[in-house]
Amino acid sequence: MSQPLAKDIVGVGSPIIDMNTFVEDRFLETIDGEKGGMELVDKSVIDALLNAIEDRPVRKPGGASANTIFALARLGSPTSFLGMIGGDEDADFYRNAYTAVGGNSRLFKTAADAPTARCLNLITPDSERTMRTDLGAAAKLNPRVITADDFKDARHVHIEGYLLFNRELMTHVLQTAKEAGCTISYDLGSFEVVRSAMDILPQLLRDYIDMVFGNEEEVAEFCNHDDPHLAVRELGKLCRIAAVKRGRDGALICADDAVYNVQAVPVANPIDTTGAGDYWGAGFLYGYYKGYDMERCGRMASIVSSEVVRHIGSALPEDSWSRIKEEINQIQ
């Protein structure tokens, strides 16, 4: 078995405080927007909603790439996270939560005049989430604050899909990470991201990105058809490794022209799929940078992602991590 790497896996994206709270459907009738949707709002809207809710939300560190990096840190991989936090108490909470699980906070950037990003998750009795997000400081991340020094201690960079909404920032991160000698993985993030960037996304995948991860909806948008077996091969022509995440149907991984069909770990009563795709990426990257073959990397990814759907939110309790590590150790 290979030894853990001394160099970091660096995540790039938006550090967001997830605030989970349970509400009745009648509460949603009092606010704008559709049930199950996500809307970007400002700080005042979040504060007004919090004042109208009886129970105090449970705060957890979140964000797409951040979920992957937090999970990698819990698995024992050396990690850092590059994102913009504010100059507030939420920033201290986020940074402390990350270092508590073994992450290196050296790459956090600070916008002292902005609040740390927050996402209020309004969970109704049917487990559906209606989200209100204030990007705050996270939206202030820009090319001027990212240099080659940020990646000098990194071996790999993992980028969330939403970064592509800022094309200048995305291109700068890709170029800077490549110049530093890093490999790069990219999670497509959402079909909206793919749809908005089809004029440049194929070129970015071909020229900069070594690994691409996406769910069936996202890769269908990219490939303009809904055959995941064909899609993973098409993506595999652009990137060295491509993966299509299929939920309960497992995943397809294309590497070196070979396709691997990875089975999902069955979960009898899944509660919440939030973060499952991000955790899949963590399990895969953990296995890959420990030197394991594609099949074992995929099995590790399935183990990690299956655990998160048993809980509300993407943060897992300690006993879950003990179970994950025990199951992973059995296939190493």
C-alpha atoms as a PDB file:
ATOM      1  CA  MET A   1       0.000   0.000   0.000  1.00  0.00           C
ATOM      2  CA  SER A   2       1.276   3.489  -0.891  1.00  0.00           C
ATOM      3  CA  GLN A   3       2.107   6.010   1.811  1.00  0.00           C
ATOM      4  CA  PRO A   4       0.071   9.226   2.220  1.00  0.00           C
ATOM      5  CA  LEU A   5       1.365  12.125   0.169  1.00  0.00           C
ATOM      6  CA  ALA A   6       3.183  14.993   1.821  1.00  0.00           C
ATOM      7  CA  LYS A   7       1.724  17.459  -0.693  1.00  0.00           C
ATOM      8  CA  ASP A   8      -1.792  18.762  -0.382  1.00  0.00           C
ATOM      9  CA  ILE A   9      -4.951  18.192  -2.347  1.00  0.00           C
ATOM     10  CA  VAL A  10      -6.316  21.736  -2.709  1.00  0.00           C
ATOM     11  CA  GLY A  11      -9.985  22.539  -3.140  1.00  0.00           C
ATOM     12  CA  VAL A  12     -11.103  25.730  -4.877  1.00  0.00           C
ATOM     13  CA  GLY A  13     -14.599  27.113  -4.484  1.00  0.00           C
ATOM     14  CA  SER A  14     -17.035  28.847  -2.181  1.00  0.00           C
ATOM     15  CA  PRO A  15     -16.820  28.279   1.597  1.00  0.00           C
ATOM     16  CA  ILE A  16     -20.457  28.442   2.720  1.00  0.00           C
ATOM     17  CA  ILE A  17     -22.061  28.081   6.133  1.00  0.00           C
ATOM     18  CA  ASP A  18     -24.970  25.648   5.752  1.00  0.00           C
ATOM     19  CA  MET A  19     -27.819  26.400   8.146  1.00  0.00           C
ATOM     20  CA  ASN A  20     -30.322  23.553   8.339  1.00  0.00           C
ATOM     21  CA  THR A  21     -33.733  24.044   9.903  1.00  0.00           C
ATOM     22  CA  PHE A  22     -37.078  22.256   9.745  1.00  0.00           C
ATOM     23  CA  VAL A  23     -40.197  24.211   8.760  1.00  0.00           C
ATOM     24  CA  GLU A  24     -43.784  23.410   7.870  1.00  0.00           C
ATOM     25  CA  ASP A  25     -45.057  23.840   4.320  1.00  0.00           C
ATOM     26  CA  ARG A  26     -47.207  26.750   5.460  1.00  0.00           C
ATOM     27  CA  PHE A  27     -44.027  28.703   6.294  1.00  0.00           C
ATOM     28  CA  LEU A  28     -42.878  28.441   2.666  1.00  0.00           C
ATOM     29  CA  GLU A  29     -46.198  29.933   1.597  1.00  0.00           C
ATOM     30  CA  THR A  30     -45.207  33.144   3.368  1.00  0.00           C
ATOM     31  CA  ILE A  31     -41.979  33.672   1.363  1.00  0.00           C
ATOM     32  CA  ASP A  32     -41.208  34.306  -2.290  1.00  0.00           C
ATOM     33  CA  GLY A  33     -40.101  31.531  -4.614  1.00  0.00           C
ATOM     34  CA  GLU A  34     -41.057  27.937  -5.281  1.00  0.00           C
ATOM     35  CA  LYS A  35     -40.689  25.042  -2.883  1.00  0.00           C
ATOM     36  CA  GLY A  36     -37.520  23.051  -3.570  1.00  0.00           C
ATOM     37  CA  GLY A  37     -35.786  25.899  -5.369  1.00  0.00           C
ATOM     38  CA  MET A  38     -32.618  27.849  -4.651  1.00  0.00           C
ATOM     39  CA  GLU A  39     -32.474  31.617  -4.836  1.00  0.00           C
ATOM     40  CA  LEU A  40     -29.567  33.989  -4.351  1.00  0.00           C
ATOM     41  CA  VAL A  41     -30.401  36.686  -1.831  1.00  0.00           C
ATOM     42  CA  ASP A  42     -28.544  39.245   0.263  1.00  0.00           C
ATOM     43  CA  LYS A  43     -27.694  39.246   3.948  1.00  0.00           C
ATOM     44  CA  SER A  44     -30.827  41.146   4.961  1.00  0.00           C
ATOM     45  CA  VAL A  45     -33.125  38.471   3.507  1.00  0.00           C
ATOM     46  CA  ILE A  46     -31.290  35.692   5.351  1.00  0.00           C
ATOM     47  CA  ASP A  47     -31.467  37.654   8.598  1.00  0.00           C
ATOM     48  CA  ALA A  48     -35.207  38.313   8.155  1.00  0.00           C
ATOM     49  CA  LEU A  49     -35.884  34.609   7.558  1.00  0.00           C
ATOM     50  CA  LEU A  50     -33.863  33.632  10.609  1.00  0.00           C
ATOM     51  CA  ASN A  51     -35.892  36.047  12.734  1.00  0.00           C
ATOM     52  CA  ALA A  52     -39.115  34.464  11.453  1.00  0.00           C
ATOM     53  CA  ILE A  53     -38.082  30.885  12.276  1.00  0.00           C
ATOM     54  CA  GLU A  54     -38.765  29.579  15.769  1.00  0.00           C
ATOM     55  CA  ASP A  55     -35.951  27.019  15.960  1.00  0.00           C
ATOM     56  CA  ARG A  56     -32.325  28.032  15.603  1.00  0.00           C
ATOM     57  CA  PRO A  57     -30.719  26.392  12.565  1.00  0.00           C
ATOM     58  CA  VAL A  58     -27.876  23.916  12.935  1.00  0.00           C
ATOM     59  CA  ARG A  59     -24.718  25.413  11.417  1.00  0.00           C
ATOM     60  CA  LYS A  60     -22.312  23.259   9.425  1.00  0.00           C
ATOM     61  CA  PRO A  61     -19.445  24.105   7.054  1.00  0.00           C
ATOM     62  CA  GLY A  62     -20.484  23.556   3.440  1.00  0.00           C
ATOM     63  CA  GLY A  63     -19.872  24.337  -0.216  1.00  0.00           C
ATOM     64  CA  ALA A  64     -19.445  21.872  -3.089  1.00  0.00           C
ATOM     65  CA  SER A  65     -15.653  21.662  -3.357  1.00  0.00           C
ATOM     66  CA  ALA A  66     -15.376  22.260   0.394  1.00  0.00           C
ATOM     67  CA  ASN A  67     -17.487  19.161   1.090  1.00  0.00           C
ATOM     68  CA  THR A  68     -15.008  17.094  -0.925  1.00  0.00           C
ATOM     69  CA  ILE A  69     -12.002  18.603   0.826  1.00  0.00           C
ATOM     70  CA  PHE A  70     -13.489  18.275   4.326  1.00  0.00           C
ATOM     71  CA  ALA A  71     -14.209  14.600   3.609  1.00  0.00           C
ATOM     72  CA  LEU A  72     -10.680  14.032   2.300  1.00  0.00           C
ATOM     73  CA  ALA A  73      -9.296  15.604   5.477  1.00  0.00           C
ATOM     74  CA  ARG A  74     -11.437  13.259   7.577  1.00  0.00           C
ATOM     75  CA  LEU A  75     -10.063  10.324   5.603  1.00  0.00           C
ATOM     76  CA  GLY A  76      -6.532  11.419   6.456  1.00  0.00           C
ATOM     77  CA  SER A  77      -5.402  13.088   3.222  1.00  0.00           C
ATOM     78  CA  PRO A  78      -3.375  16.310   3.509  1.00  0.00           C
ATOM     79  CA  THR A  79      -5.638  19.114   2.264  1.00  0.00           C
ATOM     80  CA  SER A  80      -5.959  22.877   1.903  1.00  0.00           C
ATOM     81  CA  PHE A  81      -8.914  24.962   0.741  1.00  0.00           C
ATOM     82  CA  LEU A  82      -8.767  28.120  -1.351  1.00  0.00           C
ATOM     83  CA  GLY A  83     -11.818  30.329  -0.988  1.00  0.00           C
ATOM     84  CA  MET A  84     -12.909  33.706   0.337  1.00  0.00           C
ATOM     85  CA  ILE A  85     -14.379  34.059   3.824  1.00  0.00           C
ATOM     86  CA  GLY A  86     -15.560  37.220   5.558  1.00  0.00           C
ATOM     87  CA  GLY A  87     -14.307  39.132   8.533  1.00  0.00           C
ATOM     88  CA  ASP A  88     -16.980  37.858  10.903  1.00  0.00           C
ATOM     89  CA  GLU A  89     -17.676  35.182  13.505  1.00  0.00           C
ATOM     90  CA  ASP A  90     -18.909  32.812  10.795  1.00  0.00           C
ATOM     91  CA  ALA A  91     -15.429  32.971   9.242  1.00  0.00           C
ATOM     92  CA  ASP A  92     -13.869  31.907  12.552  1.00  0.00           C
ATOM     93  CA  PHE A  93     -16.407  29.089  12.831  1.00  0.00           C
ATOM     94  CA  TYR A  94     -15.625  27.863   9.318  1.00  0.00           C
ATOM     95  CA  ARG A  95     -11.857  28.024   9.696  1.00  0.00           C
ATOM     96  CA  ASN A  96     -11.938  26.314  13.090  1.00  0.00           C
ATOM     97  CA  ALA A  97     -14.196  23.540  11.785  1.00  0.00           C
ATOM     98  CA  TYR A  98     -11.788  22.865   8.943  1.00  0.00           C
ATOM     99  CA  THR A  99      -8.625  22.801  11.037  1.00  0.00           C
ATOM    100  CA  ALA A 100     -10.389  20.603  13.613  1.00  0.00           C
ATOM    101  CA  VAL A 101     -10.673  17.799  11.043  1.00  0.00           C
ATOM    102  CA  GLY A 102      -7.036  18.138   9.996  1.00  0.00           C
ATOM    103  CA  GLY A 103      -7.261  20.658   7.158  1.00  0.00           C
ATOM    104  CA  ASN A 104      -4.649  23.347   6.490  1.00  0.00           C
ATOM    105  CA  SER A 105      -6.231  26.821   6.520  1.00  0.00           C
ATOM    106  CA  ARG A 106      -3.259  28.616   4.933  1.00  0.00           C
ATOM    107  CA  LEU A 107      -5.101  29.341   1.662  1.00  0.00           C
ATOM    108  CA  PHE A 108      -8.239  30.973   3.064  1.00  0.00           C
ATOM    109  CA  LYS A 109      -8.602  34.500   1.700  1.00  0.00           C
ATOM    110  CA  THR A 110     -10.450  37.183   3.666  1.00  0.00           C
ATOM    111  CA  ALA A 111     -12.808  39.950   2.558  1.00  0.00           C
ATOM    112  CA  ALA A 112     -13.034  41.894   5.800  1.00  0.00           C
ATOM    113  CA  ASP A 113     -15.925  44.057   4.576  1.00  0.00           C
ATOM    114  CA  ALA A 114     -18.234  41.176   3.615  1.00  0.00           C
ATOM    115  CA  PRO A 115     -20.102  38.435   5.489  1.00  0.00           C
ATOM    116  CA  THR A 116     -19.070  34.818   5.102  1.00  0.00           C
ATOM    117  CA  ALA A 117     -21.382  33.066   2.640  1.00  0.00           C
ATOM    118  CA  ARG A 118     -24.457  31.406   4.122  1.00  0.00           C
ATOM    119  CA  CYS A 119     -27.084  29.020   2.779  1.00  0.00           C
ATOM    120  CA  LEU A 120     -30.333  28.649   4.715  1.00  0.00           C
ATOM    121  CA  ASN A 121     -31.834  25.213   4.054  1.00  0.00           C
ATOM    122  CA  LEU A 122     -35.555  25.138   4.847  1.00  0.00           C
ATOM    123  CA  ILE A 123     -36.417  21.446   5.217  1.00  0.00           C
ATOM    124  CA  THR A 124     -40.089  20.468   5.061  1.00  0.00           C
ATOM    125  CA  PRO A 125     -41.570  17.235   6.504  1.00  0.00           C
ATOM    126  CA  ASP A 126     -41.152  15.503   3.113  1.00  0.00           C
ATOM    127  CA  SER A 127     -37.354  16.104   3.404  1.00  0.00           C
ATOM    128  CA  GLU A 128     -37.350  18.549   0.479  1.00  0.00           C
ATOM    129  CA  ARG A 129     -35.012  21.524   0.770  1.00  0.00           C
ATOM    130  CA  THR A 130     -35.822  25.092  -0.180  1.00  0.00           C
ATOM    131  CA  MET A 131     -32.610  27.109  -0.186  1.00  0.00           C
ATOM    132  CA  ARG A 132     -31.772  30.782   0.188  1.00  0.00           C
ATOM    133  CA  THR A 133     -28.098  31.623  -0.371  1.00  0.00           C
ATOM    134  CA  ASP A 134     -26.103  34.775   0.303  1.00  0.00           C
ATOM    135  CA  LEU A 135     -22.713  34.354  -1.380  1.00  0.00           C
ATOM    136  CA  GLY A 136     -21.266  37.299   0.529  1.00  0.00           C
ATOM    137  CA  ALA A 137     -17.467  37.130   0.690  1.00  0.00           C
ATOM    138  CA  ALA A 138     -17.296  34.004  -1.508  1.00  0.00           C
ATOM    139  CA  ALA A 139     -18.350  36.091  -4.513  1.00  0.00           C
ATOM    140  CA  LYS A 140     -15.322  38.338  -4.025  1.00  0.00           C
ATOM    141  CA  LEU A 141     -12.777  35.653  -4.900  1.00  0.00           C
ATOM    142  CA  ASN A 142     -10.917  36.961  -7.954  1.00  0.00           C
ATOM    143  CA  PRO A 143      -7.768  36.295 -10.015  1.00  0.00           C
ATOM    144  CA  ARG A 144      -5.807  39.089  -8.328  1.00  0.00           C
ATOM    145  CA  VAL A 145      -5.670  37.230  -5.005  1.00  0.00           C
ATOM    146  CA  ILE A 146      -4.604  33.856  -6.445  1.00  0.00           C
ATOM    147  CA  THR A 147      -0.948  33.294  -7.305  1.00  0.00           C
ATOM    148  CA  ALA A 148       1.397  30.427  -8.096  1.00  0.00           C
ATOM    149  CA  ASP A 149       2.451  30.391  -4.441  1.00  0.00           C
ATOM    150  CA  ASP A 150      -1.018  29.116  -3.527  1.00  0.00           C
ATOM    151  CA  PHE A 151      -0.302  25.865  -5.346  1.00  0.00           C
ATOM    152  CA  LYS A 152       3.409  25.400  -4.642  1.00  0.00           C
ATOM    153  CA  ASP A 153       2.724  22.805  -1.923  1.00  0.00           C
ATOM    154  CA  ALA A 154      -0.057  21.082  -3.864  1.00  0.00           C
ATOM    155  CA  ARG A 155      -0.089  17.968  -5.976  1.00  0.00           C
ATOM    156  CA  HIS A 156      -3.744  18.079  -7.024  1.00  0.00           C
ATOM    157  CA  VAL A 157      -6.453  20.746  -7.305  1.00  0.00           C
ATOM    158  CA  HIS A 158     -10.179  19.979  -7.113  1.00  0.00           C
ATOM    159  CA  ILE A 159     -12.531  22.636  -8.527  1.00  0.00           C
ATOM    160  CA  GLU A 160     -16.289  22.917  -8.095  1.00  0.00           C
ATOM    161  CA  GLY A 161     -18.551  23.434 -11.092  1.00  0.00           C
ATOM    162  CA  TYR A 162     -19.932  26.759  -9.948  1.00  0.00           C
ATOM    163  CA  LEU A 163     -16.536  28.443 -10.355  1.00  0.00           C
ATOM    164  CA  LEU A 164     -17.219  28.416 -14.092  1.00  0.00           C
ATOM    165  CA  PHE A 165     -19.896  31.066 -13.630  1.00  0.00           C
ATOM    166  CA  ASN A 166     -16.858  33.370 -13.321  1.00  0.00           C
ATOM    167  CA  ARG A 167     -14.940  32.456 -16.465  1.00  0.00           C
ATOM    168  CA  GLU A 168     -11.993  34.753 -15.824  1.00  0.00           C
ATOM    169  CA  LEU A 169     -11.498  33.261 -12.362  1.00  0.00           C
ATOM    170  CA  MET A 170     -11.887  29.691 -13.590  1.00  0.00           C
ATOM    171  CA  THR A 171      -9.358  30.150 -16.388  1.00  0.00           C
ATOM    172  CA  HIS A 172      -6.877  31.803 -14.039  1.00  0.00           C
ATOM    173  CA  VAL A 173      -7.132  28.978 -11.500  1.00  0.00           C
ATOM    174  CA  LEU A 174      -6.675  26.322 -14.197  1.00  0.00           C
ATOM    175  CA  GLN A 175      -3.661  28.034 -15.740  1.00  0.00           C
ATOM    176  CA  THR A 176      -2.014  28.782 -12.403  1.00  0.00           C
ATOM    177  CA  ALA A 177      -2.525  25.259 -11.064  1.00  0.00           C
ATOM    178  CA  LYS A 178      -1.152  23.691 -14.255  1.00  0.00           C
ATOM    179  CA  GLU A 179       1.889  25.959 -14.230  1.00  0.00           C
ATOM    180  CA  ALA A 180       2.545  24.748 -10.672  1.00  0.00           C
ATOM    181  CA  GLY A 181       2.554  21.150 -11.922  1.00  0.00           C
ATOM    182  CA  CYS A 182      -0.757  20.087 -10.349  1.00  0.00           C
ATOM    183  CA  THR A 183      -3.225  17.590 -11.701  1.00  0.00           C
ATOM    184  CA  ILE A 184      -6.799  18.898 -11.747  1.00  0.00           C
ATOM    185  CA  SER A 185     -10.240  17.407 -11.159  1.00  0.00           C
ATOM    186  CA  TYR A 186     -13.467  19.226 -11.944  1.00  0.00           C
ATOM    187  CA  ASP A 187     -16.997  18.400 -10.845  1.00  0.00           C
ATOM    188  CA  LEU A 188     -19.546  19.655 -13.367  1.00  0.00           C
ATOM    189  CA  GLY A 189     -21.761  20.845 -10.510  1.00  0.00           C
ATOM    190  CA  SER A 190     -25.131  21.314 -12.219  1.00  0.00           C
ATOM    191  CA  PHE A 191     -26.718  21.130 -15.637  1.00  0.00           C
ATOM    192  CA  GLU A 192     -27.128  24.929 -15.511  1.00  0.00           C
ATOM    193  CA  VAL A 193     -23.342  25.322 -15.272  1.00  0.00           C
ATOM    194  CA  VAL A 194     -22.833  22.968 -18.222  1.00  0.00           C
ATOM    195  CA  ARG A 195     -25.500  24.656 -20.334  1.00  0.00           C
ATOM    196  CA  SER A 196     -24.105  28.131 -19.719  1.00  0.00           C
ATOM    197  CA  ALA A 197     -20.534  27.162 -20.636  1.00  0.00           C
ATOM    198  CA  MET A 198     -20.803  24.791 -23.598  1.00  0.00           C
ATOM    199  CA  ASP A 199     -18.909  27.247 -25.780  1.00  0.00           C
ATOM    200  CA  ILE A 200     -15.721  26.854 -23.687  1.00  0.00           C
ATOM    201  CA  LEU A 201     -16.173  23.797 -21.449  1.00  0.00           C
ATOM    202  CA  PRO A 202     -14.974  21.146 -23.950  1.00  0.00           C
ATOM    203  CA  GLN A 203     -11.754  23.106 -24.534  1.00  0.00           C
ATOM    204  CA  LEU A 204     -11.139  23.542 -20.794  1.00  0.00           C
ATOM    205  CA  LEU A 205     -11.637  19.825 -20.200  1.00  0.00           C
ATOM    206  CA  ARG A 206      -9.257  18.916 -23.025  1.00  0.00           C
ATOM    207  CA  ASP A 207      -6.528  21.454 -22.259  1.00  0.00           C
ATOM    208  CA  TYR A 208      -6.421  21.623 -18.456  1.00  0.00           C
ATOM    209  CA  ILE A 209      -8.509  19.023 -16.644  1.00  0.00           C
ATOM    210  CA  ASP A 210      -7.297  15.504 -15.857  1.00  0.00           C
ATOM    211  CA  MET A 211     -10.439  14.157 -14.174  1.00  0.00           C
ATOM    212  CA  VAL A 212     -14.067  15.165 -14.705  1.00  0.00           C
ATOM    213  CA  PHE A 213     -16.952  14.039 -12.494  1.00  0.00           C
ATOM    214  CA  GLY A 214     -20.641  14.549 -13.264  1.00  0.00           C
ATOM    215  CA  ASN A 215     -24.046  13.065 -12.567  1.00  0.00           C
ATOM    216  CA  GLU A 216     -26.341  11.720 -15.283  1.00  0.00           C
ATOM    217  CA  GLU A 217     -28.241  14.977 -15.695  1.00  0.00           C
ATOM    218  CA  GLU A 218     -25.044  17.013 -16.090  1.00  0.00           C
ATOM    219  CA  VAL A 219     -23.359  14.690 -18.585  1.00  0.00           C
ATOM    220  CA  ALA A 220     -26.590  14.404 -20.579  1.00  0.00           C
ATOM    221  CA  GLU A 221     -26.550  18.180 -20.939  1.00  0.00           C
ATOM    222  CA  PHE A 222     -22.916  18.076 -22.041  1.00  0.00           C
ATOM    223  CA  CYS A 223     -23.285  15.201 -24.513  1.00  0.00           C
ATOM    224  CA  ASN A 224     -26.808  16.053 -25.698  1.00  0.00           C
ATOM    225  CA  HIS A 225     -28.088  12.519 -25.074  1.00  0.00           C
ATOM    226  CA  ASP A 226     -29.008  10.388 -22.061  1.00  0.00           C
ATOM    227  CA  ASP A 227     -26.863   7.259 -22.592  1.00  0.00           C
ATOM    228  CA  PRO A 228     -24.381   7.305 -19.666  1.00  0.00           C
ATOM    229  CA  HIS A 229     -22.286   4.463 -21.112  1.00  0.00           C
ATOM    230  CA  LEU A 230     -21.693   6.400 -24.307  1.00  0.00           C
ATOM    231  CA  ALA A 231     -21.294   9.677 -22.413  1.00  0.00           C
ATOM    232  CA  VAL A 232     -18.520   8.427 -20.139  1.00  0.00           C
ATOM    233  CA  ARG A 233     -16.532   7.366 -23.207  1.00  0.00           C
ATOM    234  CA  GLU A 234     -17.073  10.755 -24.834  1.00  0.00           C
ATOM    235  CA  LEU A 235     -15.850  12.540 -21.713  1.00  0.00           C
ATOM    236  CA  GLY A 236     -12.970  10.068 -21.510  1.00  0.00           C
ATOM    237  CA  LYS A 237     -11.737  11.341 -24.875  1.00  0.00           C
ATOM    238  CA  LEU A 238     -11.310  14.813 -23.340  1.00  0.00           C
ATOM    239  CA  CYS A 239      -9.937  13.904 -19.896  1.00  0.00           C
ATOM    240  CA  ARG A 240      -7.668  11.127 -18.717  1.00  0.00           C
ATOM    241  CA  ILE A 241     -10.342   9.995 -16.241  1.00  0.00           C
ATOM    242  CA  ALA A 242     -14.097  10.568 -16.504  1.00  0.00           C
ATOM    243  CA  ALA A 243     -16.807   9.453 -14.096  1.00  0.00           C
ATOM    244  CA  VAL A 244     -20.578   9.478 -14.361  1.00  0.00           C
ATOM    245  CA  LYS A 245     -22.233   9.298 -10.939  1.00  0.00           C
ATOM    246  CA  ARG A 246     -25.552   7.418 -11.130  1.00  0.00           C
ATOM    247  CA  GLY A 247     -26.875   7.428  -7.569  1.00  0.00           C
ATOM    248  CA  ARG A 248     -28.358   4.070  -6.610  1.00  0.00           C
ATOM    249  CA  ASP A 249     -27.114   2.671  -9.938  1.00  0.00           C
ATOM    250  CA  GLY A 250     -23.501   3.262  -8.932  1.00  0.00           C
ATOM    251  CA  ALA A 251     -21.039   4.926 -11.296  1.00  0.00           C
ATOM    252  CA  LEU A 252     -19.236   4.503 -14.591  1.00  0.00           C
ATOM    253  CA  ILE A 253     -15.523   5.331 -14.767  1.00  0.00           C
ATOM    254  CA  CYS A 254     -13.561   5.645 -18.006  1.00  0.00           C
ATOM    255  CA  ALA A 255      -9.762   5.517 -17.780  1.00  0.00           C
ATOM    256  CA  ASP A 256      -7.258   4.569 -20.510  1.00  0.00           C
ATOM    257  CA  ASP A 257     -10.126   3.612 -22.850  1.00  0.00           C
ATOM    258  CA  ALA A 258     -11.481   1.074 -20.341  1.00  0.00           C
ATOM    259  CA  VAL A 259     -14.871   1.507 -18.677  1.00  0.00           C
ATOM    260  CA  TYR A 260     -15.525   0.288 -15.137  1.00  0.00           C
ATOM    261  CA  ASN A 261     -19.053  -0.236 -13.818  1.00  0.00           C
ATOM    262  CA  VAL A 262     -18.962   0.437 -10.075  1.00  0.00           C
ATOM    263  CA  GLN A 263     -21.854  -0.753  -7.942  1.00  0.00           C
ATOM    264  CA  ALA A 264     -23.418   1.531  -5.377  1.00  0.00           C
ATOM    265  CA  VAL A 265     -23.512   0.583  -1.700  1.00  0.00           C
ATOM    266  CA  PRO A 266     -27.223  -0.111  -1.028  1.00  0.00           C
ATOM    267  CA  VAL A 267     -28.975   2.230   1.409  1.00  0.00           C
ATOM    268  CA  ALA A 268     -32.407   1.047   2.532  1.00  0.00           C
ATOM    269  CA  ASN A 269     -33.842   4.411   3.588  1.00  0.00           C
ATOM    270  CA  PRO A 270     -31.876   7.359   2.220  1.00  0.00           C
ATOM    271  CA  ILE A 271     -32.745  10.589   4.023  1.00  0.00           C
ATOM    272  CA  ASP A 272     -30.970  13.376   2.150  1.00  0.00           C
ATOM    273  CA  THR A 273     -28.760  13.297  -0.961  1.00  0.00           C
ATOM    274  CA  THR A 274     -27.127  16.664  -0.222  1.00  0.00           C
ATOM    275  CA  GLY A 275     -23.363  16.349  -0.653  1.00  0.00           C
ATOM    276  CA  ALA A 276     -23.460  12.753  -1.923  1.00  0.00           C
ATOM    277  CA  GLY A 277     -21.776  13.658  -5.200  1.00  0.00           C
ATOM    278  CA  ASP A 278     -19.141  15.746  -3.422  1.00  0.00           C
ATOM    279  CA  TYR A 279     -18.376  12.848  -1.082  1.00  0.00           C
ATOM    280  CA  TRP A 280     -18.150  10.475  -4.044  1.00  0.00           C
ATOM    281  CA  GLY A 281     -15.361  12.667  -5.381  1.00  0.00           C
ATOM    282  CA  ALA A 282     -13.606  12.553  -2.006  1.00  0.00           C
ATOM    283  CA  GLY A 283     -13.646   8.765  -1.882  1.00  0.00           C
ATOM    284  CA  PHE A 284     -12.365   8.498  -5.440  1.00  0.00           C
ATOM    285  CA  LEU A 285      -9.547  11.017  -4.972  1.00  0.00           C
ATOM    286  CA  TYR A 286      -8.544   9.399  -1.685  1.00  0.00           C
ATOM    287  CA  GLY A 287      -8.135   6.044  -3.402  1.00  0.00           C
ATOM    288  CA  TYR A 288      -6.468   7.475  -6.495  1.00  0.00           C
ATOM    289  CA  TYR A 289      -3.790   9.358  -4.605  1.00  0.00           C
ATOM    290  CA  LYS A 290      -3.119   6.329  -2.425  1.00  0.00           C
ATOM    291  CA  GLY A 291      -2.277   4.480  -5.639  1.00  0.00           C
ATOM    292  CA  TYR A 292      -5.271   2.158  -6.039  1.00  0.00           C
ATOM    293  CA  ASP A 293      -6.794   0.898  -9.283  1.00  0.00           C
ATOM    294  CA  MET A 294     -10.003   2.298 -10.764  1.00  0.00           C
ATOM    295  CA  GLU A 295     -12.262  -0.413  -9.384  1.00  0.00           C
ATOM    296  CA  ARG A 296     -11.059   0.091  -5.811  1.00  0.00           C
ATOM    297  CA  CYS A 297     -11.181   3.884  -6.180  1.00  0.00           C
ATOM    298  CA  GLY A 298     -14.785   3.547  -7.311  1.00  0.00           C
ATOM    299  CA  ARG A 299     -15.665   1.249  -4.421  1.00  0.00           C
ATOM    300  CA  MET A 300     -14.159   3.732  -1.957  1.00  0.00           C
ATOM    301  CA  ALA A 301     -16.184   6.500  -3.576  1.00  0.00           C
ATOM    302  CA  SER A 302     -19.375   4.443  -3.217  1.00  0.00           C
ATOM    303  CA  ILE A 303     -18.676   3.749   0.463  1.00  0.00           C
ATOM    304  CA  VAL A 304     -18.179   7.426   1.316  1.00  0.00           C
ATOM    305  CA  SER A 305     -21.144   8.719  -0.701  1.00  0.00           C
ATOM    306  CA  SER A 306     -23.519   6.062   0.651  1.00  0.00           C
ATOM    307  CA  GLU A 307     -22.939   7.203   4.219  1.00  0.00           C
ATOM    308  CA  VAL A 308     -23.871  10.842   3.644  1.00  0.00           C
ATOM    309  CA  VAL A 309     -27.367  10.016   2.319  1.00  0.00           C
ATOM    310  CA  ARG A 310     -28.217   8.470   5.697  1.00  0.00           C
ATOM    311  CA  HIS A 311     -28.089  11.925   7.347  1.00  0.00           C
ATOM    312  CA  ILE A 312     -29.533  15.415   7.008  1.00  0.00           C
ATOM    313  CA  GLY A 313     -26.863  17.683   5.533  1.00  0.00           C
ATOM    314  CA  SER A 314     -23.345  16.927   4.402  1.00  0.00           C
ATOM    315  CA  ALA A 315     -21.576  16.877   7.786  1.00  0.00           C
ATOM    316  CA  LEU A 316     -21.283  13.372   9.243  1.00  0.00           C
ATOM    317  CA  PRO A 317     -21.075  12.303  12.902  1.00  0.00           C
ATOM    318  CA  GLU A 318     -17.960  10.653  14.273  1.00  0.00           C
ATOM    319  CA  ASP A 319     -19.385   7.126  14.223  1.00  0.00           C
ATOM    320  CA  SER A 320     -20.050   7.474  10.486  1.00  0.00           C
ATOM    321  CA  TRP A 321     -16.398   8.246   9.823  1.00  0.00           C
ATOM    322  CA  SER A 322     -15.364   5.265  11.924  1.00  0.00           C
ATOM    323  CA  ARG A 323     -17.619   3.045   9.826  1.00  0.00           C
ATOM    324  CA  ILE A 324     -16.344   4.539   6.550  1.00  0.00           C
ATOM    325  CA  LYS A 325     -12.701   4.029   7.490  1.00  0.00           C
ATOM    326  CA  GLU A 326     -13.341   0.460   8.600  1.00  0.00           C
ATOM    327  CA  GLU A 327     -15.061  -0.399   5.309  1.00  0.00           C
ATOM    328  CA  ILE A 328     -12.345   1.283   3.238  1.00  0.00           C
ATOM    329  CA  ASN A 329      -9.620  -0.552   5.130  1.00  0.00           C
ATOM    330  CA  GLN A 330     -11.236  -3.832   4.152  1.00  0.00           C
ATOM    331  CA  ILE A 331     -10.650  -3.183   0.435  1.00  0.00           C
ATOM    332  CA  GLN A 332      -7.174  -1.634   0.597  1.00  0.00           C
END
